[in-house]
Amino acid sequence: MGERQADDTLRVHLLPKIMRSITLGEMKSSSSNKKRIGVHLGTAGGCWTAVNRAVEAAANTFQIFSSSPRMWRPSRIKPEDANKMRELRTRHDIGPVSIHASYLINLCSQTEAVRANSIVAFRGEVERALALGAEYLVLHPGSWKGLTRDEGLRLAAQSIERAIDGLPWQDSPFRILIENTAGAEFSLGSKLEQVAELVECLRPCAPVGVCLDTCHVHVAGYDIVSEDGYTETMLLVRDTVGFESVKVWHCNDAKAAFGSRLDRHEHIGEGTIGPAAFKRLLQDDRFAHCAFIAETPVDAPGDEARNVGVLRTLAAG
């Protein structure tokens, strides 16, 4: 059976069955299944409520925003909310927790005022992540438009170093994860080599790792759909960022075409990536240490649970 035919078989037979059978809260996490699979969740009512939403979605890891991703004005984490999140995570064995940094942050901006605001905002992100006990803070470094790529890389590294200066991260498992981007012309991190360079610049002064996004990988022109393409792309991952540095995979199918550079997420198995690629990734022992977190659309109640269910079924074989 060819790759395209196998993928179509998964789409036709597996996905409809999963999507029909999984309803919100129906699927329960099993103590025997320790692969960390989750989804980005809302925090209405307090950050700690995301833990309950994770339980309802049968997720054992999750991602949140700790403040509005489209406002400079930060939210304040109440100590009682942070304590409640820690208690609920322990009770339900949920982790790691990832926080996604604000979309406004541009740590390599050519504009000094934007860069200064971004440093303050990113410091706040780190402070909230530490307060909540989150293991990971995912960051898009920003756009170096108006500069050279090397200047952008230097500014991003300097800005991150300044932002975390004096913060008490040393005795925690906390890591800043540099995420690859979808390939926009001036976006730092659109190439795996750029992610690797920034990580290496930061290692002496910051707790750092990598987050890879399947949609970004795909639309940036790295083939993970065909078997041969997946093999070649993973060799690039090994030779650039390294397997062990990858702590989180954002699992998102793509609405846009391969190499299009358009970051449009789709439900797992329903886009231009398809279920076979996710199955291959989830069963790849080189990423057994990773958390797999969907950032898929919420078009109807229960979509979080259904996408988690599709990922878990694909992971199981």
C-alpha atoms as a PDB file:
ATOM      1  CA  MET A   1       0.000   0.000   0.000  1.00  0.00           C
ATOM      2  CA  GLY A   2       1.409   3.428  -0.955  1.00  0.00           C
ATOM      3  CA  GLU A   3       1.845   6.277   1.549  1.00  0.00           C
ATOM      4  CA  ARG A   4      -1.003   8.355   0.118  1.00  0.00           C
ATOM      5  CA  GLN A   5      -3.353   5.339   0.092  1.00  0.00           C
ATOM      6  CA  ALA A   6      -2.400   4.450   3.686  1.00  0.00           C
ATOM      7  CA  ASP A   7      -3.040   8.020   4.804  1.00  0.00           C
ATOM      8  CA  ASP A   8      -6.406   8.086   3.056  1.00  0.00           C
ATOM      9  CA  THR A   9      -7.307   4.816   4.794  1.00  0.00           C
ATOM     10  CA  LEU A  10      -6.558   6.427   8.156  1.00  0.00           C
ATOM     11  CA  ARG A  11      -8.664   9.469   7.245  1.00  0.00           C
ATOM     12  CA  VAL A  12     -11.632   7.419   6.040  1.00  0.00           C
ATOM     13  CA  HIS A  13     -11.722   4.673   8.650  1.00  0.00           C
ATOM     14  CA  LEU A  14      -9.928   5.816  11.801  1.00  0.00           C
ATOM     15  CA  LEU A  15     -10.728   9.512  12.220  1.00  0.00           C
ATOM     16  CA  PRO A  16     -14.528   9.377  11.808  1.00  0.00           C
ATOM     17  CA  LYS A  17     -14.690   6.551  14.326  1.00  0.00           C
ATOM     18  CA  ILE A  18     -12.650   8.488  16.867  1.00  0.00           C
ATOM     19  CA  MET A  19     -14.514  11.753  16.344  1.00  0.00           C
ATOM     20  CA  ARG A  20     -17.890  10.026  16.758  1.00  0.00           C
ATOM     21  CA  SER A  21     -16.905   8.110  19.854  1.00  0.00           C
ATOM     22  CA  ILE A  22     -15.089  10.772  21.885  1.00  0.00           C
ATOM     23  CA  THR A  23     -17.240  13.221  23.822  1.00  0.00           C
ATOM     24  CA  LEU A  24     -16.121  15.723  26.420  1.00  0.00           C
ATOM     25  CA  GLY A  25     -14.980  13.901  29.556  1.00  0.00           C
ATOM     26  CA  GLU A  26     -15.798  10.458  28.153  1.00  0.00           C
ATOM     27  CA  MET A  27     -12.234   9.333  27.674  1.00  0.00           C
ATOM     28  CA  LYS A  28     -10.260   8.827  30.912  1.00  0.00           C
ATOM     29  CA  SER A  29      -6.499   8.961  31.346  1.00  0.00           C
ATOM     30  CA  SER A  30      -4.920   5.626  32.170  1.00  0.00           C
ATOM     31  CA  SER A  31      -2.086   5.308  34.669  1.00  0.00           C
ATOM     32  CA  SER A  32      -0.539   2.752  32.313  1.00  0.00           C
ATOM     33  CA  ASN A  33      -0.391   5.265  29.465  1.00  0.00           C
ATOM     34  CA  LYS A  34       2.289   7.777  30.418  1.00  0.00           C
ATOM     35  CA  LYS A  35       2.822   9.427  27.038  1.00  0.00           C
ATOM     36  CA  ARG A  36       2.184  13.104  27.618  1.00  0.00           C
ATOM     37  CA  ILE A  37      -0.544  14.271  25.255  1.00  0.00           C
ATOM     38  CA  GLY A  38      -2.584  17.423  25.730  1.00  0.00           C
ATOM     39  CA  VAL A  39      -3.980  20.619  24.284  1.00  0.00           C
ATOM     40  CA  HIS A  40      -3.925  24.399  24.660  1.00  0.00           C
ATOM     41  CA  LEU A  41      -6.688  25.380  27.102  1.00  0.00           C
ATOM     42  CA  GLY A  42      -8.478  28.479  28.319  1.00  0.00           C
ATOM     43  CA  THR A  43      -8.103  29.921  31.813  1.00  0.00           C
ATOM     44  CA  ALA A  44     -11.435  31.668  32.417  1.00  0.00           C
ATOM     45  CA  GLY A  45     -12.025  31.668  36.165  1.00  0.00           C
ATOM     46  CA  GLY A  46      -8.314  31.505  37.012  1.00  0.00           C
ATOM     47  CA  CYS A  47      -5.241  29.700  35.689  1.00  0.00           C
ATOM     48  CA  TRP A  48      -5.915  26.716  37.933  1.00  0.00           C
ATOM     49  CA  THR A  49      -9.159  25.956  36.075  1.00  0.00           C
ATOM     50  CA  ALA A  50      -7.066  24.758  33.120  1.00  0.00           C
ATOM     51  CA  VAL A  51      -6.200  21.654  35.140  1.00  0.00           C
ATOM     52  CA  ASN A  52      -9.868  20.709  35.412  1.00  0.00           C
ATOM     53  CA  ARG A  53     -10.297  21.358  31.692  1.00  0.00           C
ATOM     54  CA  ALA A  54      -7.324  19.090  31.004  1.00  0.00           C
ATOM     55  CA  VAL A  55      -8.920  16.309  33.057  1.00  0.00           C
ATOM     56  CA  GLU A  56     -12.182  16.724  31.126  1.00  0.00           C
ATOM     57  CA  ALA A  57     -10.275  16.503  27.827  1.00  0.00           C
ATOM     58  CA  ALA A  58      -8.372  13.364  28.977  1.00  0.00           C
ATOM     59  CA  ALA A  59      -5.113  15.314  28.701  1.00  0.00           C
ATOM     60  CA  ASN A  60      -2.147  14.731  30.999  1.00  0.00           C
ATOM     61  CA  THR A  61      -0.265  17.832  29.851  1.00  0.00           C
ATOM     62  CA  PHE A  62      -1.470  21.218  28.637  1.00  0.00           C
ATOM     63  CA  GLN A  63      -0.569  24.725  27.533  1.00  0.00           C
ATOM     64  CA  ILE A  64      -2.072  28.081  28.501  1.00  0.00           C
ATOM     65  CA  PHE A  65      -1.527  31.797  28.187  1.00  0.00           C
ATOM     66  CA  SER A  66      -0.715  33.298  31.592  1.00  0.00           C
ATOM     67  CA  SER A  67      -1.978  36.699  30.425  1.00  0.00           C
ATOM     68  CA  SER A  68      -3.744  38.081  27.369  1.00  0.00           C
ATOM     69  CA  PRO A  69      -1.508  37.280  24.367  1.00  0.00           C
ATOM     70  CA  ARG A  70      -2.570  40.465  22.584  1.00  0.00           C
ATOM     71  CA  MET A  71      -2.224  43.073  25.357  1.00  0.00           C
ATOM     72  CA  TRP A  72       0.896  44.632  26.884  1.00  0.00           C
ATOM     73  CA  ARG A  73      -0.836  45.026  30.254  1.00  0.00           C
ATOM     74  CA  PRO A  74      -0.015  41.862  32.232  1.00  0.00           C
ATOM     75  CA  SER A  75      -2.246  39.800  34.456  1.00  0.00           C
ATOM     76  CA  ARG A  76      -1.306  39.177  38.063  1.00  0.00           C
ATOM     77  CA  ILE A  77      -1.079  35.629  39.360  1.00  0.00           C
ATOM     78  CA  LYS A  78      -2.808  35.256  42.726  1.00  0.00           C
ATOM     79  CA  PRO A  79      -0.762  33.095  45.121  1.00  0.00           C
ATOM     80  CA  GLU A  80      -3.867  31.072  45.983  1.00  0.00           C
ATOM     81  CA  ASP A  81      -4.461  30.335  42.279  1.00  0.00           C
ATOM     82  CA  ALA A  82      -0.867  29.202  41.830  1.00  0.00           C
ATOM     83  CA  ASN A  83      -1.129  26.935  44.883  1.00  0.00           C
ATOM     84  CA  LYS A  84      -4.397  25.473  43.649  1.00  0.00           C
ATOM     85  CA  MET A  85      -2.879  24.726  40.237  1.00  0.00           C
ATOM     86  CA  ARG A  86       0.032  22.902  41.848  1.00  0.00           C
ATOM     87  CA  GLU A  87      -2.286  20.883  44.084  1.00  0.00           C
ATOM     88  CA  LEU A  88      -4.587  19.872  41.222  1.00  0.00           C
ATOM     89  CA  ARG A  89      -1.669  18.953  38.977  1.00  0.00           C
ATOM     90  CA  THR A  90      -0.266  16.667  41.658  1.00  0.00           C
ATOM     91  CA  ARG A  91      -3.670  15.101  42.323  1.00  0.00           C
ATOM     92  CA  HIS A  92      -4.273  14.317  38.647  1.00  0.00           C
ATOM     93  CA  ASP A  93      -0.647  13.655  37.604  1.00  0.00           C
ATOM     94  CA  ILE A  94      -0.704  16.356  34.952  1.00  0.00           C
ATOM     95  CA  GLY A  95       2.463  17.785  33.502  1.00  0.00           C
ATOM     96  CA  PRO A  96       4.525  19.243  32.122  1.00  0.00           C
ATOM     97  CA  VAL A  97       2.701  22.551  31.838  1.00  0.00           C
ATOM     98  CA  SER A  98       3.679  24.902  29.048  1.00  0.00           C
ATOM     99  CA  ILE A  99       2.923  28.609  28.887  1.00  0.00           C
ATOM    100  CA  HIS A 100       2.898  30.346  25.526  1.00  0.00           C
ATOM    101  CA  ALA A 101       4.388  33.842  25.591  1.00  0.00           C
ATOM    102  CA  SER A 102       2.499  36.846  24.262  1.00  0.00           C
ATOM    103  CA  TYR A 103       2.315  37.344  20.508  1.00  0.00           C
ATOM    104  CA  LEU A 104       3.278  41.013  20.989  1.00  0.00           C
ATOM    105  CA  ILE A 105       6.773  40.211  22.198  1.00  0.00           C
ATOM    106  CA  ASN A 106       9.496  40.957  19.640  1.00  0.00           C
ATOM    107  CA  LEU A 107      12.883  40.568  21.263  1.00  0.00           C
ATOM    108  CA  CYS A 108      14.824  41.291  18.072  1.00  0.00           C
ATOM    109  CA  SER A 109      12.882  44.339  16.875  1.00  0.00           C
ATOM    110  CA  GLN A 110      14.823  47.094  15.134  1.00  0.00           C
ATOM    111  CA  THR A 111      12.768  49.585  17.189  1.00  0.00           C
ATOM    112  CA  GLU A 112      14.325  50.165  20.600  1.00  0.00           C
ATOM    113  CA  ALA A 113      10.988  51.018  22.280  1.00  0.00           C
ATOM    114  CA  VAL A 114       9.353  47.822  21.038  1.00  0.00           C
ATOM    115  CA  ARG A 115      12.343  45.814  22.166  1.00  0.00           C
ATOM    116  CA  ALA A 116      12.307  47.462  25.612  1.00  0.00           C
ATOM    117  CA  ASN A 117       8.585  46.743  26.039  1.00  0.00           C
ATOM    118  CA  SER A 118       9.199  43.181  24.906  1.00  0.00           C
ATOM    119  CA  ILE A 119      11.947  42.645  27.486  1.00  0.00           C
ATOM    120  CA  VAL A 120       9.640  43.852  30.273  1.00  0.00           C
ATOM    121  CA  ALA A 121       6.789  41.723  28.970  1.00  0.00           C
ATOM    122  CA  PHE A 122       8.962  38.633  28.650  1.00  0.00           C
ATOM    123  CA  ARG A 123      10.318  39.091  32.156  1.00  0.00           C
ATOM    124  CA  GLY A 124       6.706  39.115  33.334  1.00  0.00           C
ATOM    125  CA  GLU A 125       6.078  35.889  31.409  1.00  0.00           C
ATOM    126  CA  VAL A 126       9.003  34.218  33.169  1.00  0.00           C
ATOM    127  CA  GLU A 127       7.870  35.507  36.581  1.00  0.00           C
ATOM    128  CA  ARG A 128       4.345  34.125  36.058  1.00  0.00           C
ATOM    129  CA  ALA A 129       5.670  30.800  34.772  1.00  0.00           C
ATOM    130  CA  LEU A 130       7.859  30.421  37.863  1.00  0.00           C
ATOM    131  CA  ALA A 131       4.965  31.407  40.148  1.00  0.00           C
ATOM    132  CA  LEU A 132       2.706  28.774  38.566  1.00  0.00           C
ATOM    133  CA  GLY A 133       5.371  26.079  38.584  1.00  0.00           C
ATOM    134  CA  ALA A 134       5.214  25.723  34.784  1.00  0.00           C
ATOM    135  CA  GLU A 135       8.036  23.705  33.310  1.00  0.00           C
ATOM    136  CA  TYR A 136       8.100  25.441  29.945  1.00  0.00           C
ATOM    137  CA  LEU A 137       7.650  28.907  28.450  1.00  0.00           C
ATOM    138  CA  VAL A 138       7.319  28.807  24.652  1.00  0.00           C
ATOM    139  CA  LEU A 139       8.647  31.836  22.789  1.00  0.00           C
ATOM    140  CA  HIS A 140       8.563  33.148  19.222  1.00  0.00           C
ATOM    141  CA  PRO A 141      11.731  35.317  19.262  1.00  0.00           C
ATOM    142  CA  GLY A 142      10.304  37.894  16.847  1.00  0.00           C
ATOM    143  CA  SER A 143      10.985  39.634  13.547  1.00  0.00           C
ATOM    144  CA  TRP A 144      14.344  41.057  12.520  1.00  0.00           C
ATOM    145  CA  LYS A 145      12.871  43.157   9.678  1.00  0.00           C
ATOM    146  CA  GLY A 146      15.112  46.158   8.989  1.00  0.00           C
ATOM    147  CA  LEU A 147      18.173  44.352  10.347  1.00  0.00           C
ATOM    148  CA  THR A 148      20.404  41.510   9.230  1.00  0.00           C
ATOM    149  CA  ARG A 149      19.574  38.023  10.467  1.00  0.00           C
ATOM    150  CA  ASP A 150      22.782  37.986  12.557  1.00  0.00           C
ATOM    151  CA  GLU A 151      21.834  41.310  14.167  1.00  0.00           C
ATOM    152  CA  GLY A 152      18.399  39.908  14.958  1.00  0.00           C
ATOM    153  CA  LEU A 153      19.929  36.796  16.502  1.00  0.00           C
ATOM    154  CA  ARG A 154      22.266  38.888  18.655  1.00  0.00           C
ATOM    155  CA  LEU A 155      19.459  41.174  19.860  1.00  0.00           C
ATOM    156  CA  ALA A 156      17.167  38.237  20.693  1.00  0.00           C
ATOM    157  CA  ALA A 157      19.849  36.564  22.792  1.00  0.00           C
ATOM    158  CA  GLN A 158      20.757  39.814  24.570  1.00  0.00           C
ATOM    159  CA  SER A 159      17.097  40.623  25.244  1.00  0.00           C
ATOM    160  CA  ILE A 160      16.354  37.215  26.750  1.00  0.00           C
ATOM    161  CA  GLU A 161      19.469  37.454  28.943  1.00  0.00           C
ATOM    162  CA  ARG A 162      18.384  40.890  30.188  1.00  0.00           C
ATOM    163  CA  ALA A 163      14.797  39.748  30.781  1.00  0.00           C
ATOM    164  CA  ILE A 164      15.734  36.866  33.086  1.00  0.00           C
ATOM    165  CA  ASP A 165      18.542  38.627  34.931  1.00  0.00           C
ATOM    166  CA  GLY A 166      18.146  38.115  38.689  1.00  0.00           C
ATOM    167  CA  LEU A 167      15.122  35.809  38.461  1.00  0.00           C
ATOM    168  CA  PRO A 168      15.271  32.607  40.571  1.00  0.00           C
ATOM    169  CA  TRP A 169      15.057  29.954  37.856  1.00  0.00           C
ATOM    170  CA  GLN A 170      18.202  28.019  38.750  1.00  0.00           C
ATOM    171  CA  ASP A 171      16.614  25.599  41.233  1.00  0.00           C
ATOM    172  CA  SER A 172      13.591  24.716  39.114  1.00  0.00           C
ATOM    173  CA  PRO A 173      12.965  22.527  36.052  1.00  0.00           C
ATOM    174  CA  PHE A 174      11.875  25.652  34.155  1.00  0.00           C
ATOM    175  CA  ARG A 175      13.007  26.041  30.538  1.00  0.00           C
ATOM    176  CA  ILE A 176      12.479  28.692  27.861  1.00  0.00           C
ATOM    177  CA  LEU A 177      11.588  26.866  24.653  1.00  0.00           C
ATOM    178  CA  ILE A 178      12.452  28.544  21.363  1.00  0.00           C
ATOM    179  CA  GLU A 179       9.761  27.644  18.837  1.00  0.00           C
ATOM    180  CA  ASN A 180      10.327  27.269  15.119  1.00  0.00           C
ATOM    181  CA  THR A 181       8.169  29.553  12.982  1.00  0.00           C
ATOM    182  CA  ALA A 182       6.181  29.109   9.782  1.00  0.00           C
ATOM    183  CA  GLY A 183       8.739  30.675   7.477  1.00  0.00           C
ATOM    184  CA  ALA A 184       7.758  34.339   7.188  1.00  0.00           C
ATOM    185  CA  GLU A 185      10.597  36.262   5.546  1.00  0.00           C
ATOM    186  CA  PHE A 186      12.014  38.072   8.596  1.00  0.00           C
ATOM    187  CA  SER A 187      10.822  35.726  11.339  1.00  0.00           C
ATOM    188  CA  LEU A 188      13.667  34.500  13.530  1.00  0.00           C
ATOM    189  CA  GLY A 189      13.369  30.735  13.810  1.00  0.00           C
ATOM    190  CA  SER A 190      11.916  29.957  10.389  1.00  0.00           C
ATOM    191  CA  LYS A 191      14.874  27.650   9.762  1.00  0.00           C
ATOM    192  CA  LEU A 192      15.949  24.901  12.151  1.00  0.00           C
ATOM    193  CA  GLU A 193      19.487  26.238  11.924  1.00  0.00           C
ATOM    194  CA  GLN A 194      18.302  29.598  13.292  1.00  0.00           C
ATOM    195  CA  VAL A 195      16.581  27.919  16.249  1.00  0.00           C
ATOM    196  CA  ALA A 196      19.786  25.978  16.956  1.00  0.00           C
ATOM    197  CA  GLU A 197      21.948  29.121  16.757  1.00  0.00           C
ATOM    198  CA  LEU A 198      19.764  31.005  19.222  1.00  0.00           C
ATOM    199  CA  VAL A 199      19.685  28.076  21.631  1.00  0.00           C
ATOM    200  CA  GLU A 200      23.468  27.795  21.536  1.00  0.00           C
ATOM    201  CA  CYS A 201      23.837  31.551  22.156  1.00  0.00           C
ATOM    202  CA  LEU A 202      21.585  31.263  25.217  1.00  0.00           C
ATOM    203  CA  ARG A 203      22.968  28.093  26.834  1.00  0.00           C
ATOM    204  CA  PRO A 204      25.633  29.913  28.907  1.00  0.00           C
ATOM    205  CA  CYS A 205      23.101  32.293  30.482  1.00  0.00           C
ATOM    206  CA  ALA A 206      19.571  30.843  30.279  1.00  0.00           C
ATOM    207  CA  PRO A 207      17.650  27.602  30.801  1.00  0.00           C
ATOM    208  CA  VAL A 208      16.766  26.822  27.209  1.00  0.00           C
ATOM    209  CA  GLY A 209      15.282  24.131  24.979  1.00  0.00           C
ATOM    210  CA  VAL A 210      13.212  23.773  21.822  1.00  0.00           C
ATOM    211  CA  CYS A 211       9.554  23.524  20.852  1.00  0.00           C
ATOM    212  CA  LEU A 212       8.782  22.284  17.332  1.00  0.00           C
ATOM    213  CA  ASP A 213       5.407  22.857  15.689  1.00  0.00           C
ATOM    214  CA  THR A 214       4.246  20.343  13.067  1.00  0.00           C
ATOM    215  CA  CYS A 215       2.269  22.957  11.122  1.00  0.00           C
ATOM    216  CA  HIS A 216       5.222  25.356  11.114  1.00  0.00           C
ATOM    217  CA  VAL A 217       7.603  22.593  10.035  1.00  0.00           C
ATOM    218  CA  HIS A 218       5.281  21.588   7.187  1.00  0.00           C
ATOM    219  CA  VAL A 219       4.475  25.044   5.794  1.00  0.00           C
ATOM    220  CA  ALA A 220       8.121  26.136   6.144  1.00  0.00           C
ATOM    221  CA  GLY A 221       9.009  23.434   3.625  1.00  0.00           C
ATOM    222  CA  TYR A 222      10.275  20.555   5.762  1.00  0.00           C
ATOM    223  CA  ASP A 223       8.639  17.291   4.660  1.00  0.00           C
ATOM    224  CA  ILE A 224       7.179  15.214   7.503  1.00  0.00           C
ATOM    225  CA  VAL A 225       4.369  13.702   5.411  1.00  0.00           C
ATOM    226  CA  SER A 226       6.208  11.171   3.254  1.00  0.00           C
ATOM    227  CA  GLU A 227       8.225   8.449   4.952  1.00  0.00           C
ATOM    228  CA  ASP A 228      11.457   9.451   3.208  1.00  0.00           C
ATOM    229  CA  GLY A 229      10.795  13.129   3.892  1.00  0.00           C
ATOM    230  CA  TYR A 230      10.193  12.434   7.572  1.00  0.00           C
ATOM    231  CA  THR A 231      13.511  10.568   7.774  1.00  0.00           C
ATOM    232  CA  GLU A 232      15.389  13.440   6.137  1.00  0.00           C
ATOM    233  CA  THR A 233      13.710  16.100   8.272  1.00  0.00           C
ATOM    234  CA  MET A 234      14.482  14.238  11.481  1.00  0.00           C
ATOM    235  CA  LEU A 235      18.124  13.976  10.461  1.00  0.00           C
ATOM    236  CA  LEU A 236      18.069  17.775  10.176  1.00  0.00           C
ATOM    237  CA  VAL A 237      16.502  18.018  13.638  1.00  0.00           C
ATOM    238  CA  ARG A 238      19.273  15.774  14.980  1.00  0.00           C
ATOM    239  CA  ASP A 239      22.023  17.775  13.302  1.00  0.00           C
ATOM    240  CA  THR A 240      20.688  21.222  14.267  1.00  0.00           C
ATOM    241  CA  VAL A 241      18.735  21.484  17.523  1.00  0.00           C
ATOM    242  CA  GLY A 242      19.283  17.864  18.619  1.00  0.00           C
ATOM    243  CA  PHE A 243      16.598  15.397  19.724  1.00  0.00           C
ATOM    244  CA  GLU A 244      17.180  15.866  23.455  1.00  0.00           C
ATOM    245  CA  SER A 245      16.714  19.637  23.235  1.00  0.00           C
ATOM    246  CA  VAL A 246      13.182  19.188  21.875  1.00  0.00           C
ATOM    247  CA  LYS A 247      10.903  19.209  24.920  1.00  0.00           C
ATOM    248  CA  VAL A 248       7.510  19.913  23.311  1.00  0.00           C
ATOM    249  CA  TRP A 249       5.909  19.182  19.959  1.00  0.00           C
ATOM    250  CA  HIS A 250       2.988  21.423  19.085  1.00  0.00           C
ATOM    251  CA  CYS A 251       0.773  18.987  17.210  1.00  0.00           C
ATOM    252  CA  ASN A 252      -1.232  20.908  14.628  1.00  0.00           C
ATOM    253  CA  ASP A 253      -2.461  19.826  11.231  1.00  0.00           C
ATOM    254  CA  ALA A 254      -2.296  22.507   8.532  1.00  0.00           C
ATOM    255  CA  LYS A 255      -4.974  24.205   6.475  1.00  0.00           C
ATOM    256  CA  ALA A 256      -2.346  25.568   4.068  1.00  0.00           C
ATOM    257  CA  ALA A 257      -0.159  23.746   1.564  1.00  0.00           C
ATOM    258  CA  PHE A 258       3.331  22.388   2.109  1.00  0.00           C
ATOM    259  CA  GLY A 259       5.901  25.194   1.830  1.00  0.00           C
ATOM    260  CA  SER A 260       3.225  27.920   1.769  1.00  0.00           C
ATOM    261  CA  ARG A 261       4.570  29.750   4.875  1.00  0.00           C
ATOM    262  CA  LEU A 262       0.966  30.245   6.038  1.00  0.00           C
ATOM    263  CA  ASP A 263       0.364  29.414   9.699  1.00  0.00           C
ATOM    264  CA  ARG A 264      -3.224  28.099   9.712  1.00  0.00           C
ATOM    265  CA  HIS A 265      -3.969  25.249  12.116  1.00  0.00           C
ATOM    266  CA  GLU A 266      -6.400  22.417  11.407  1.00  0.00           C
ATOM    267  CA  HIS A 267      -7.824  19.510  13.432  1.00  0.00           C
ATOM    268  CA  ILE A 268      -5.487  16.528  13.697  1.00  0.00           C
ATOM    269  CA  GLY A 269      -5.661  14.364  10.575  1.00  0.00           C
ATOM    270  CA  GLU A 270      -7.968  16.705   8.667  1.00  0.00           C
ATOM    271  CA  GLY A 271      -5.420  18.972   6.982  1.00  0.00           C
ATOM    272  CA  THR A 272      -2.547  18.810   4.524  1.00  0.00           C
ATOM    273  CA  ILE A 273      -0.323  16.886   6.946  1.00  0.00           C
ATOM    274  CA  GLY A 274      -2.709  13.996   7.605  1.00  0.00           C
ATOM    275  CA  PRO A 275      -2.901  11.322  10.336  1.00  0.00           C
ATOM    276  CA  ALA A 276      -0.037   9.091   9.180  1.00  0.00           C
ATOM    277  CA  ALA A 277       2.569  11.782   9.888  1.00  0.00           C
ATOM    278  CA  PHE A 278       1.265  12.276  13.429  1.00  0.00           C
ATOM    279  CA  LYS A 279       1.255   8.531  14.014  1.00  0.00           C
ATOM    280  CA  ARG A 280       4.879   8.349  12.862  1.00  0.00           C
ATOM    281  CA  LEU A 281       5.887  11.244  15.137  1.00  0.00           C
ATOM    282  CA  LEU A 282       4.022  10.018  18.210  1.00  0.00           C
ATOM    283  CA  GLN A 283       5.594   6.573  17.885  1.00  0.00           C
ATOM    284  CA  ASP A 284       9.125   7.898  17.315  1.00  0.00           C
ATOM    285  CA  ASP A 285      11.208   6.734  20.287  1.00  0.00           C
ATOM    286  CA  ARG A 286      13.612   9.639  19.823  1.00  0.00           C
ATOM    287  CA  PHE A 287      10.850  11.890  21.172  1.00  0.00           C
ATOM    288  CA  ALA A 288       9.621   9.603  23.947  1.00  0.00           C
ATOM    289  CA  HIS A 289      10.625  12.290  26.466  1.00  0.00           C
ATOM    290  CA  CYS A 290       8.482  14.988  24.806  1.00  0.00           C
ATOM    291  CA  ALA A 291       5.060  16.428  25.543  1.00  0.00           C
ATOM    292  CA  PHE A 292       2.712  16.544  22.536  1.00  0.00           C
ATOM    293  CA  ILE A 293       0.319  19.486  22.771  1.00  0.00           C
ATOM    294  CA  ALA A 294      -2.356  20.367  20.216  1.00  0.00           C
ATOM    295  CA  GLU A 295      -3.149  23.992  19.387  1.00  0.00           C
ATOM    296  CA  THR A 296      -6.070  23.046  17.179  1.00  0.00           C
ATOM    297  CA  PRO A 297      -9.259  25.048  16.469  1.00  0.00           C
ATOM    298  CA  VAL A 298     -12.212  24.921  18.843  1.00  0.00           C
ATOM    299  CA  ASP A 299     -15.116  24.938  16.410  1.00  0.00           C
ATOM    300  CA  ALA A 300     -17.548  23.061  18.669  1.00  0.00           C
ATOM    301  CA  PRO A 301     -17.797  21.965  22.314  1.00  0.00           C
ATOM    302  CA  GLY A 302     -15.586  18.963  22.926  1.00  0.00           C
ATOM    303  CA  ASP A 303     -13.063  19.693  20.181  1.00  0.00           C
ATOM    304  CA  GLU A 304     -10.212  19.761  22.727  1.00  0.00           C
ATOM    305  CA  ALA A 305     -11.069  16.241  23.897  1.00  0.00           C
ATOM    306  CA  ARG A 306     -11.563  14.954  20.369  1.00  0.00           C
ATOM    307  CA  ASN A 307      -8.150  16.165  19.181  1.00  0.00           C
ATOM    308  CA  VAL A 308      -6.481  14.730  22.281  1.00  0.00           C
ATOM    309  CA  GLY A 309      -8.320  11.461  21.578  1.00  0.00           C
ATOM    310  CA  VAL A 310      -7.130  11.349  17.966  1.00  0.00           C
ATOM    311  CA  LEU A 311      -3.518  11.919  19.073  1.00  0.00           C
ATOM    312  CA  ARG A 312      -3.747   9.256  21.760  1.00  0.00           C
ATOM    313  CA  THR A 313      -5.260   6.719  19.359  1.00  0.00           C
ATOM    314  CA  LEU A 314      -2.565   7.407  16.775  1.00  0.00           C
ATOM    315  CA  ALA A 315       0.095   7.073  19.476  1.00  0.00           C
ATOM    316  CA  ALA A 316      -1.298   3.687  20.469  1.00  0.00           C
ATOM    317  CA  GLY A 317      -0.948   2.371  16.933  1.00  0.00           C
END
